[in-house]
């Protein structure tokens, strides 16, 4: 993801809690880095993917085990999501993340 350059994007990055460091600490591995977002896959379940964006975007999805189409998904542009929200989203989607 490119470095924030506008006052808005700099401010967003200062308040975002669900960032690269947090996702890596939760077992996610960076797969692709683009100018406006980064995509991740989970190290213990290849059917889990997520992405974060420069403007506070967060999305998470579980792919169907057979045909790899999105099954359970959540997406928002909300830089005020907290780490607690991350765990609530996982629980609400009924996504099983191995330890």
PDB file of N, CA and C in Angstrom:
ATOM      1  N   UNK A   1       0.855  -1.159   0.000  1.00  0.00           N
ATOM      2  CA  UNK A   1       0.000   0.000   0.000  1.00  0.00           C
ATOM      3  C   UNK A   1       0.908   1.230   0.000  1.00  0.00           C
ATOM      4  N   UNK A   2       0.521   2.210  -0.741  1.00  0.00           N
ATOM      5  CA  UNK A   2       1.342   3.411  -0.790  1.00  0.00           C
ATOM      6  C   UNK A   2       1.272   4.163   0.531  1.00  0.00           C
ATOM      7  N   UNK A   3       2.233   5.000   0.761  1.00  0.00           N
ATOM      8  CA  UNK A   3       2.246   5.817   1.969  1.00  0.00           C
ATOM      9  C   UNK A   3       1.169   6.887   1.866  1.00  0.00           C
ATOM     10  N   UNK A   4       0.427   7.145   2.955  1.00  0.00           N
ATOM     11  CA  UNK A   4      -0.578   8.198   2.906  1.00  0.00           C
ATOM     12  C   UNK A   4       0.073   9.557   2.692  1.00  0.00           C
ATOM     13  N   UNK A   5      -0.545  10.367   1.837  1.00  0.00           N
ATOM     14  CA  UNK A   5       0.041  11.673   1.521  1.00  0.00           C
ATOM     15  C   UNK A   5      -0.902  12.841   1.789  1.00  0.00           C
ATOM     16  N   UNK A   6      -2.192  12.590   1.810  1.00  0.00           N
ATOM     17  CA  UNK A   6      -3.139  13.674   2.064  1.00  0.00           C
ATOM     18  C   UNK A   6      -3.417  13.761   3.559  1.00  0.00           C
ATOM     19  N   UNK A   7      -3.821  14.917   4.050  1.00  0.00           N
ATOM     20  CA  UNK A   7      -4.141  15.013   5.480  1.00  0.00           C
ATOM     21  C   UNK A   7      -5.188  13.993   5.914  1.00  0.00           C
ATOM     22  N   UNK A   8      -6.184  13.707   5.051  1.00  0.00           N
ATOM     23  CA  UNK A   8      -7.216  12.743   5.394  1.00  0.00           C
ATOM     24  C   UNK A   8      -6.629  11.343   5.531  1.00  0.00           C
ATOM     25  N   UNK A   9      -5.864  10.894   4.539  1.00  0.00           N
ATOM     26  CA  UNK A   9      -5.331   9.526   4.594  1.00  0.00           C
ATOM     27  C   UNK A   9      -4.295   9.372   5.708  1.00  0.00           C
ATOM     28  N   UNK A  10      -3.549  10.412   6.009  1.00  0.00           N
ATOM     29  CA  UNK A  10      -2.605  10.355   7.126  1.00  0.00           C
ATOM     30  C   UNK A  10      -3.373  10.217   8.436  1.00  0.00           C
ATOM     31  N   UNK A  11      -4.438  10.999   8.593  1.00  0.00           N
ATOM     32  CA  UNK A  11      -5.268  10.924   9.792  1.00  0.00           C
ATOM     33  C   UNK A  11      -5.926   9.576   9.953  1.00  0.00           C
ATOM     34  N   UNK A  12      -6.377   9.000   8.839  1.00  0.00           N
ATOM     35  CA  UNK A  12      -7.011   7.672   8.888  1.00  0.00           C
ATOM     36  C   UNK A  12      -6.012   6.640   9.388  1.00  0.00           C
ATOM     37  N   UNK A  13      -4.800   6.656   8.868  1.00  0.00           N
ATOM     38  CA  UNK A  13      -3.807   5.659   9.254  1.00  0.00           C
ATOM     39  C   UNK A  13      -3.391   5.798  10.718  1.00  0.00           C
ATOM     40  N   UNK A  14      -3.589   6.970  11.296  1.00  0.00           N
ATOM     41  CA  UNK A  14      -3.245   7.154  12.705  1.00  0.00           C
ATOM     42  C   UNK A  14      -4.273   6.528  13.638  1.00  0.00           C
ATOM     43  N   UNK A  15      -5.533   6.346  13.178  1.00  0.00           N
ATOM     44  CA  UNK A  15      -6.560   5.797  14.055  1.00  0.00           C
ATOM     45  C   UNK A  15      -6.918   4.348  13.749  1.00  0.00           C
ATOM     46  N   UNK A  16      -6.500   3.837  12.603  1.00  0.00           N
ATOM     47  CA  UNK A  16      -6.847   2.459  12.208  1.00  0.00           C
ATOM     48  C   UNK A  16      -6.180   1.467  13.152  1.00  0.00           C
ATOM     49  N   UNK A  17      -6.984   0.567  13.724  1.00  0.00           N
ATOM     50  CA  UNK A  17      -6.441  -0.475  14.596  1.00  0.00           C
ATOM     51  C   UNK A  17      -6.243  -1.792  13.860  1.00  0.00           C
ATOM     52  N   UNK A  18      -7.083  -2.054  12.851  1.00  0.00           N
ATOM     53  CA  UNK A  18      -6.935  -3.282  12.067  1.00  0.00           C
ATOM     54  C   UNK A  18      -5.989  -2.959  10.914  1.00  0.00           C
ATOM     55  N   UNK A  19      -4.700  -3.150  11.185  1.00  0.00           N
ATOM     56  CA  UNK A  19      -3.670  -2.814  10.200  1.00  0.00           C
ATOM     57  C   UNK A  19      -2.809  -4.054   9.926  1.00  0.00           C
ATOM     58  N   UNK A  20      -1.779  -3.876   9.140  1.00  0.00           N
ATOM     59  CA  UNK A  20      -0.927  -5.003   8.750  1.00  0.00           C
ATOM     60  C   UNK A  20      -0.327  -5.706   9.965  1.00  0.00           C
ATOM     61  N   UNK A  21       0.195  -4.945  10.912  1.00  0.00           N
ATOM     62  CA  UNK A  21       0.825  -5.547  12.090  1.00  0.00           C
ATOM     63  C   UNK A  21      -0.175  -6.393  12.882  1.00  0.00           C
ATOM     64  N   UNK A  22      -1.394  -5.873  13.056  1.00  0.00           N
ATOM     65  CA  UNK A  22      -2.403  -6.618  13.796  1.00  0.00           C
ATOM     66  C   UNK A  22      -2.772  -7.898  13.062  1.00  0.00           C
ATOM     67  N   UNK A  23      -2.993  -7.821  11.748  1.00  0.00           N
ATOM     68  CA  UNK A  23      -3.381  -9.008  10.991  1.00  0.00           C
ATOM     69  C   UNK A  23      -2.281 -10.071  11.013  1.00  0.00           C
ATOM     70  N   UNK A  24      -1.041  -9.657  10.881  1.00  0.00           N
ATOM     71  CA  UNK A  24       0.076 -10.609  10.937  1.00  0.00           C
ATOM     72  C   UNK A  24       0.114 -11.282  12.308  1.00  0.00           C
ATOM     73  N   UNK A  25      -0.164 -10.521  13.367  1.00  0.00           N
ATOM     74  CA  UNK A  25      -0.169 -11.107  14.708  1.00  0.00           C
ATOM     75  C   UNK A  25      -1.301 -12.119  14.883  1.00  0.00           C
ATOM     76  N   UNK A  26      -2.326 -12.051  14.037  1.00  0.00           N
ATOM     77  CA  UNK A  26      -3.456 -12.968  14.109  1.00  0.00           C
ATOM     78  C   UNK A  26      -3.316 -14.148  13.136  1.00  0.00           C
ATOM     79  N   UNK A  27      -2.155 -14.284  12.505  1.00  0.00           N
ATOM     80  CA  UNK A  27      -1.895 -15.430  11.641  1.00  0.00           C
ATOM     81  C   UNK A  27      -2.118 -15.173  10.165  1.00  0.00           C
ATOM     82  N   UNK A  28      -2.345 -13.931   9.772  1.00  0.00           N
ATOM     83  CA  UNK A  28      -2.534 -13.607   8.363  1.00  0.00           C
ATOM     84  C   UNK A  28      -1.184 -13.372   7.699  1.00  0.00           C
ATOM     85  N   UNK A  29      -1.106 -13.706   6.403  1.00  0.00           N
ATOM     86  CA  UNK A  29       0.120 -13.540   5.632  1.00  0.00           C
ATOM     87  C   UNK A  29      -0.190 -12.625   4.452  1.00  0.00           C
ATOM     88  N   UNK A  30       0.651 -11.613   4.258  1.00  0.00           N
ATOM     89  CA  UNK A  30       0.474 -10.691   3.140  1.00  0.00           C
ATOM     90  C   UNK A  30       0.657 -11.431   1.823  1.00  0.00           C
ATOM     91  N   UNK A  31      -0.345 -11.365   0.952  1.00  0.00           N
ATOM     92  CA  UNK A  31      -0.272 -12.032  -0.352  1.00  0.00           C
ATOM     93  C   UNK A  31       0.018 -11.054  -1.479  1.00  0.00           C
ATOM     94  N   UNK A  32      -0.688  -9.925  -1.489  1.00  0.00           N
ATOM     95  CA  UNK A  32      -0.496  -8.931  -2.542  1.00  0.00           C
ATOM     96  C   UNK A  32      -0.566  -7.536  -1.953  1.00  0.00           C
ATOM     97  N   UNK A  33       0.254  -6.663  -2.488  1.00  0.00           N
ATOM     98  CA  UNK A  33       0.259  -5.269  -2.062  1.00  0.00           C
ATOM     99  C   UNK A  33       0.007  -4.401  -3.293  1.00  0.00           C
ATOM    100  N   UNK A  34      -1.036  -3.606  -3.215  1.00  0.00           N
ATOM    101  CA  UNK A  34      -1.419  -2.718  -4.307  1.00  0.00           C
ATOM    102  C   UNK A  34      -1.368  -1.278  -3.793  1.00  0.00           C
ATOM    103  N   UNK A  35      -1.447  -0.285  -4.667  1.00  0.00           N
ATOM    104  CA  UNK A  35      -1.360   1.098  -4.191  1.00  0.00           C
ATOM    105  C   UNK A  35      -2.408   1.468  -3.134  1.00  0.00           C
ATOM    106  N   UNK A  36      -3.633   0.964  -3.248  1.00  0.00           N
ATOM    107  CA  UNK A  36      -4.679   1.391  -2.319  1.00  0.00           C
ATOM    108  C   UNK A  36      -5.094   0.329  -1.308  1.00  0.00           C
ATOM    109  N   UNK A  37      -4.630  -0.905  -1.466  1.00  0.00           N
ATOM    110  CA  UNK A  37      -4.994  -1.927  -0.489  1.00  0.00           C
ATOM    111  C   UNK A  37      -3.978  -3.066  -0.470  1.00  0.00           C
ATOM    112  N   UNK A  38      -4.073  -3.864   0.595  1.00  0.00           N
ATOM    113  CA  UNK A  38      -3.240  -5.044   0.758  1.00  0.00           C
ATOM    114  C   UNK A  38      -4.157  -6.236   0.976  1.00  0.00           C
ATOM    115  N   UNK A  39      -3.845  -7.355   0.359  1.00  0.00           N
ATOM    116  CA  UNK A  39      -4.662  -8.554   0.553  1.00  0.00           C
ATOM    117  C   UNK A  39      -3.852  -9.596   1.312  1.00  0.00           C
ATOM    118  N   UNK A  40      -4.577 -10.375   2.137  1.00  0.00           N
ATOM    119  CA  UNK A  40      -3.973 -11.361   3.018  1.00  0.00           C
ATOM    120  C   UNK A  40      -4.681 -12.699   2.881  1.00  0.00           C
ATOM    121  N   UNK A  41      -3.974 -13.760   3.205  1.00  0.00           N
ATOM    122  CA  UNK A  41      -4.555 -15.098   3.339  1.00  0.00           C
ATOM    123  C   UNK A  41      -4.150 -15.596   4.717  1.00  0.00           C
ATOM    124  N   UNK A  42      -4.977 -16.455   5.285  1.00  0.00           N
ATOM    125  CA  UNK A  42      -4.640 -16.963   6.613  1.00  0.00           C
ATOM    126  C   UNK A  42      -3.644 -18.109   6.484  1.00  0.00           C
ATOM    127  N   UNK A  43      -2.673 -18.121   7.372  1.00  0.00           N
ATOM    128  CA  UNK A  43      -1.599 -19.116   7.282  1.00  0.00           C
ATOM    129  C   UNK A  43      -2.066 -20.538   7.571  1.00  0.00           C
ATOM    130  N   UNK A  44      -3.196 -20.702   8.301  1.00  0.00           N
ATOM    131  CA  UNK A  44      -3.650 -22.043   8.654  1.00  0.00           C
ATOM    132  C   UNK A  44      -4.942 -22.452   7.954  1.00  0.00           C
ATOM    133  N   UNK A  45      -5.493 -21.574   7.137  1.00  0.00           N
ATOM    134  CA  UNK A  45      -6.714 -21.900   6.405  1.00  0.00           C
ATOM    135  C   UNK A  45      -6.712 -21.104   5.101  1.00  0.00           C
ATOM    136  N   UNK A  46      -6.393 -21.751   3.993  1.00  0.00           N
ATOM    137  CA  UNK A  46      -6.284 -21.075   2.702  1.00  0.00           C
ATOM    138  C   UNK A  46      -7.613 -20.564   2.170  1.00  0.00           C
ATOM    139  N   UNK A  47      -8.722 -20.963   2.796  1.00  0.00           N
ATOM    140  CA  UNK A  47     -10.028 -20.494   2.349  1.00  0.00           C
ATOM    141  C   UNK A  47     -10.432 -19.181   3.002  1.00  0.00           C
ATOM    142  N   UNK A  48      -9.588 -18.619   3.846  1.00  0.00           N
ATOM    143  CA  UNK A  48      -9.855 -17.324   4.468  1.00  0.00           C
ATOM    144  C   UNK A  48      -8.996 -16.261   3.809  1.00  0.00           C
ATOM    145  N   UNK A  49      -9.641 -15.181   3.386  1.00  0.00           N
ATOM    146  CA  UNK A  49      -8.917 -14.058   2.801  1.00  0.00           C
ATOM    147  C   UNK A  49      -9.428 -12.765   3.435  1.00  0.00           C
ATOM    148  N   UNK A  50      -8.590 -11.764   3.466  1.00  0.00           N
ATOM    149  CA  UNK A  50      -9.028 -10.454   3.938  1.00  0.00           C
ATOM    150  C   UNK A  50      -8.189  -9.387   3.252  1.00  0.00           C
ATOM    151  N   UNK A  51      -8.646  -8.146   3.386  1.00  0.00           N
ATOM    152  CA  UNK A  51      -7.940  -7.022   2.785  1.00  0.00           C
ATOM    153  C   UNK A  51      -8.146  -5.788   3.649  1.00  0.00           C
ATOM    154  N   UNK A  52      -7.143  -4.908   3.651  1.00  0.00           N
ATOM    155  CA  UNK A  52      -7.252  -3.608   4.296  1.00  0.00           C
ATOM    156  C   UNK A  52      -6.872  -2.557   3.269  1.00  0.00           C
ATOM    157  N   UNK A  53      -7.449  -1.367   3.426  1.00  0.00           N
ATOM    158  CA  UNK A  53      -7.198  -0.320   2.459  1.00  0.00           C
ATOM    159  C   UNK A  53      -6.679   0.962   3.078  1.00  0.00           C
ATOM    160  N   UNK A  54      -6.229   1.837   2.230  1.00  0.00           N
ATOM    161  CA  UNK A  54      -5.626   3.099   2.632  1.00  0.00           C
ATOM    162  C   UNK A  54      -6.608   4.006   3.373  1.00  0.00           C
ATOM    163  N   UNK A  55      -7.890   3.894   3.100  1.00  0.00           N
ATOM    164  CA  UNK A  55      -8.880   4.804   3.679  1.00  0.00           C
ATOM    165  C   UNK A  55      -9.713   4.142   4.775  1.00  0.00           C
ATOM    166  N   UNK A  56      -9.190   3.113   5.412  1.00  0.00           N
ATOM    167  CA  UNK A  56      -9.896   2.443   6.494  1.00  0.00           C
ATOM    168  C   UNK A  56     -10.760   1.294   6.040  1.00  0.00           C
ATOM    169  N   UNK A  57     -10.550   0.821   4.813  1.00  0.00           N
ATOM    170  CA  UNK A  57     -11.307  -0.327   4.303  1.00  0.00           C
ATOM    171  C   UNK A  57     -10.892  -1.585   5.066  1.00  0.00           C
ATOM    172  N   UNK A  58     -11.858  -2.455   5.300  1.00  0.00           N
ATOM    173  CA  UNK A  58     -11.581  -3.774   5.859  1.00  0.00           C
ATOM    174  C   UNK A  58     -12.597  -4.734   5.282  1.00  0.00           C
ATOM    175  N   UNK A  59     -12.115  -5.840   4.750  1.00  0.00           N
ATOM    176  CA  UNK A  59     -13.012  -6.888   4.272  1.00  0.00           C
ATOM    177  C   UNK A  59     -12.421  -8.235   4.636  1.00  0.00           C
ATOM    178  N   UNK A  60     -13.313  -9.177   4.901  1.00  0.00           N
ATOM    179  CA  UNK A  60     -12.902 -10.532   5.239  1.00  0.00           C
ATOM    180  C   UNK A  60     -13.903 -11.477   4.596  1.00  0.00           C
ATOM    181  N   UNK A  61     -13.412 -12.619   4.151  1.00  0.00           N
ATOM    182  CA  UNK A  61     -14.262 -13.546   3.417  1.00  0.00           C
ATOM    183  C   UNK A  61     -13.757 -14.969   3.607  1.00  0.00           C
ATOM    184  N   UNK A  62     -14.713 -15.882   3.679  1.00  0.00           N
ATOM    185  CA  UNK A  62     -14.378 -17.303   3.658  1.00  0.00           C
ATOM    186  C   UNK A  62     -14.837 -17.853   2.315  1.00  0.00           C
ATOM    187  N   UNK A  63     -13.947 -18.527   1.624  1.00  0.00           N
ATOM    188  CA  UNK A  63     -14.270 -19.104   0.327  1.00  0.00           C
ATOM    189  C   UNK A  63     -14.845 -20.503   0.513  1.00  0.00           C
ATOM    190  N   UNK A  64     -15.774 -20.868  -0.358  1.00  0.00           N
ATOM    191  CA  UNK A  64     -16.339 -22.220  -0.309  1.00  0.00           C
ATOM    192  C   UNK A  64     -15.222 -23.220  -0.583  1.00  0.00           C
ATOM    193  N   UNK A  65     -15.180 -24.281   0.179  1.00  0.00           N
ATOM    194  CA  UNK A  65     -14.070 -25.231   0.090  1.00  0.00           C
ATOM    195  C   UNK A  65     -13.976 -25.917  -1.268  1.00  0.00           C
ATOM    196  N   UNK A  66     -15.099 -26.029  -1.972  1.00  0.00           N
ATOM    197  CA  UNK A  66     -15.111 -26.784  -3.229  1.00  0.00           C
ATOM    198  C   UNK A  66     -14.846 -25.900  -4.449  1.00  0.00           C
ATOM    199  N   UNK A  67     -15.627 -24.842  -4.593  1.00  0.00           N
ATOM    200  CA  UNK A  67     -15.509 -24.038  -5.814  1.00  0.00           C
ATOM    201  C   UNK A  67     -14.871 -22.667  -5.598  1.00  0.00           C
ATOM    202  N   UNK A  68     -14.440 -22.389  -4.378  1.00  0.00           N
ATOM    203  CA  UNK A  68     -13.699 -21.158  -4.039  1.00  0.00           C
ATOM    204  C   UNK A  68     -14.482 -19.875  -4.317  1.00  0.00           C
ATOM    205  N   UNK A  69     -15.802 -19.933  -4.276  1.00  0.00           N
ATOM    206  CA  UNK A  69     -16.606 -18.716  -4.381  1.00  0.00           C
ATOM    207  C   UNK A  69     -16.808 -18.144  -2.980  1.00  0.00           C
ATOM    208  N   UNK A  70     -16.959 -16.825  -2.861  1.00  0.00           N
ATOM    209  CA  UNK A  70     -17.154 -16.217  -1.541  1.00  0.00           C
ATOM    210  C   UNK A  70     -18.425 -16.741  -0.874  1.00  0.00           C
ATOM    211  N   UNK A  71     -18.291 -17.138   0.389  1.00  0.00           N
ATOM    212  CA  UNK A  71     -19.416 -17.692   1.107  1.00  0.00           C
ATOM    213  C   UNK A  71     -19.861 -16.781   2.244  1.00  0.00           C
ATOM    214  N   UNK A  72     -18.998 -16.514   3.154  1.00  0.00           N
ATOM    215  CA  UNK A  72     -19.295 -15.603   4.258  1.00  0.00           C
ATOM    216  C   UNK A  72     -18.388 -14.400   4.081  1.00  0.00           C
ATOM    217  N   UNK A  73     -18.982 -13.207   4.032  1.00  0.00           N
ATOM    218  CA  UNK A  73     -18.137 -12.044   3.807  1.00  0.00           C
ATOM    219  C   UNK A  73     -18.650 -10.817   4.534  1.00  0.00           C
ATOM    220  N   UNK A  74     -17.709  -9.954   4.861  1.00  0.00           N
ATOM    221  CA  UNK A  74     -17.996  -8.695   5.514  1.00  0.00           C
ATOM    222  C   UNK A  74     -17.077  -7.664   4.885  1.00  0.00           C
ATOM    223  N   UNK A  75     -17.612  -6.475   4.610  1.00  0.00           N
ATOM    224  CA  UNK A  75     -16.806  -5.425   4.019  1.00  0.00           C
ATOM    225  C   UNK A  75     -17.306  -4.065   4.496  1.00  0.00           C
ATOM    226  N   UNK A  76     -16.378  -3.178   4.802  1.00  0.00           N
ATOM    227  CA  UNK A  76     -16.742  -1.840   5.254  1.00  0.00           C
ATOM    228  C   UNK A  76     -15.603  -0.866   4.981  1.00  0.00           C
ATOM    229  N   UNK A  77     -15.947   0.397   4.937  1.00  0.00           N
ATOM    230  CA  UNK A  77     -14.945   1.462   4.967  1.00  0.00           C
ATOM    231  C   UNK A  77     -15.213   2.213   6.259  1.00  0.00           C
ATOM    232  N   UNK A  78     -14.522   1.799   7.308  1.00  0.00           N
ATOM    233  CA  UNK A  78     -14.728   2.376   8.626  1.00  0.00           C
ATOM    234  C   UNK A  78     -13.398   2.360   9.378  1.00  0.00           C
ATOM    235  N   UNK A  79     -12.674   3.473   9.374  1.00  0.00           N
ATOM    236  CA  UNK A  79     -11.380   3.484  10.055  1.00  0.00           C
ATOM    237  C   UNK A  79     -11.483   3.376  11.571  1.00  0.00           C
ATOM    238  N   UNK A  80     -12.697   3.461  12.114  1.00  0.00           N
ATOM    239  CA  UNK A  80     -12.862   3.406  13.568  1.00  0.00           C
ATOM    240  C   UNK A  80     -13.114   1.996  14.096  1.00  0.00           C
ATOM    241  N   UNK A  81     -13.005   0.977  13.228  1.00  0.00           N
ATOM    242  CA  UNK A  81     -13.122  -0.400  13.715  1.00  0.00           C
ATOM    243  C   UNK A  81     -12.001  -0.679  14.705  1.00  0.00           C
ATOM    244  N   UNK A  82     -12.341  -1.375  15.774  1.00  0.00           N
ATOM    245  CA  UNK A  82     -11.349  -1.710  16.789  1.00  0.00           C
ATOM    246  C   UNK A  82     -10.935  -3.170  16.658  1.00  0.00           C
ATOM    247  N   UNK A  83      -9.940  -3.532  17.410  1.00  0.00           N
ATOM    248  CA  UNK A  83      -9.510  -4.929  17.428  1.00  0.00           C
ATOM    249  C   UNK A  83     -10.620  -5.819  17.974  1.00  0.00           C
ATOM    250  N   UNK A  84     -11.391  -5.313  18.922  1.00  0.00           N
ATOM    251  CA  UNK A  84     -12.529  -6.061  19.450  1.00  0.00           C
ATOM    252  C   UNK A  84     -13.566  -6.287  18.360  1.00  0.00           C
ATOM    253  N   UNK A  85     -13.768  -5.287  17.502  1.00  0.00           N
ATOM    254  CA  UNK A  85     -14.705  -5.433  16.381  1.00  0.00           C
ATOM    255  C   UNK A  85     -14.268  -6.559  15.452  1.00  0.00           C
ATOM    256  N   UNK A  86     -12.973  -6.684  15.227  1.00  0.00           N
ATOM    257  CA  UNK A  86     -12.441  -7.753  14.384  1.00  0.00           C
ATOM    258  C   UNK A  86     -12.909  -9.115  14.906  1.00  0.00           C
ATOM    259  N   UNK A  87     -12.749  -9.333  16.202  1.00  0.00           N
ATOM    260  CA  UNK A  87     -13.141 -10.615  16.791  1.00  0.00           C
ATOM    261  C   UNK A  87     -14.651 -10.813  16.757  1.00  0.00           C
ATOM    262  N   UNK A  88     -15.415  -9.746  16.914  1.00  0.00           N
ATOM    263  CA  UNK A  88     -16.875  -9.836  16.827  1.00  0.00           C
ATOM    264  C   UNK A  88     -17.314 -10.193  15.409  1.00  0.00           C
ATOM    265  N   UNK A  89     -16.651  -9.617  14.416  1.00  0.00           N
ATOM    266  CA  UNK A  89     -16.978  -9.908  13.014  1.00  0.00           C
ATOM    267  C   UNK A  89     -16.710 -11.382  12.717  1.00  0.00           C
ATOM    268  N   UNK A  90     -15.565 -11.882  13.174  1.00  0.00           N
ATOM    269  CA  UNK A  90     -15.217 -13.294  12.997  1.00  0.00           C
ATOM    270  C   UNK A  90     -16.306 -14.174  13.623  1.00  0.00           C
ATOM    271  N   UNK A  91     -16.737 -13.806  14.816  1.00  0.00           N
ATOM    272  CA  UNK A  91     -17.758 -14.583  15.519  1.00  0.00           C
ATOM    273  C   UNK A  91     -19.102 -14.518  14.803  1.00  0.00           C
ATOM    274  N   UNK A  92     -19.505 -13.325  14.369  1.00  0.00           N
ATOM    275  CA  UNK A  92     -20.792 -13.171  13.689  1.00  0.00           C
ATOM    276  C   UNK A  92     -20.842 -13.929  12.360  1.00  0.00           C
ATOM    277  N   UNK A  93     -19.724 -13.965  11.653  1.00  0.00           N
ATOM    278  CA  UNK A  93     -19.670 -14.683  10.388  1.00  0.00           C
ATOM    279  C   UNK A  93     -19.542 -16.189  10.594  1.00  0.00           C
ATOM    280  N   UNK A  94     -19.306 -16.590  11.836  1.00  0.00           N
ATOM    281  CA  UNK A  94     -19.128 -18.002  12.172  1.00  0.00           C
ATOM    282  C   UNK A  94     -17.947 -18.596  11.410  1.00  0.00           C
ATOM    283  N   UNK A  95     -16.871 -17.831  11.353  1.00  0.00           N
ATOM    284  CA  UNK A  95     -15.652 -18.274  10.691  1.00  0.00           C
ATOM    285  C   UNK A  95     -14.771 -18.973  11.720  1.00  0.00           C
ATOM    286  N   UNK A  96     -14.328 -20.154  11.365  1.00  0.00           N
ATOM    287  CA  UNK A  96     -13.460 -20.937  12.242  1.00  0.00           C
ATOM    288  C   UNK A  96     -12.003 -20.682  11.860  1.00  0.00           C
ATOM    289  N   UNK A  97     -11.275 -20.046  12.756  1.00  0.00           N
ATOM    290  CA  UNK A  97      -9.854 -19.806  12.535  1.00  0.00           C
ATOM    291  C   UNK A  97      -9.079 -20.747  13.437  1.00  0.00           C
ATOM    292  N   UNK A  98      -8.295 -21.659  12.851  1.00  0.00           N
ATOM    293  CA  UNK A  98      -7.525 -22.613  13.664  1.00  0.00           C
ATOM    294  C   UNK A  98      -6.484 -21.892  14.501  1.00  0.00           C
ATOM    295  N   UNK A  99      -6.187 -22.458  15.681  1.00  0.00           N
ATOM    296  CA  UNK A  99      -5.162 -21.880  16.549  1.00  0.00           C
ATOM    297  C   UNK A  99      -3.789 -22.212  16.070  1.00  0.00           C
TER     298      UNK A  99
END
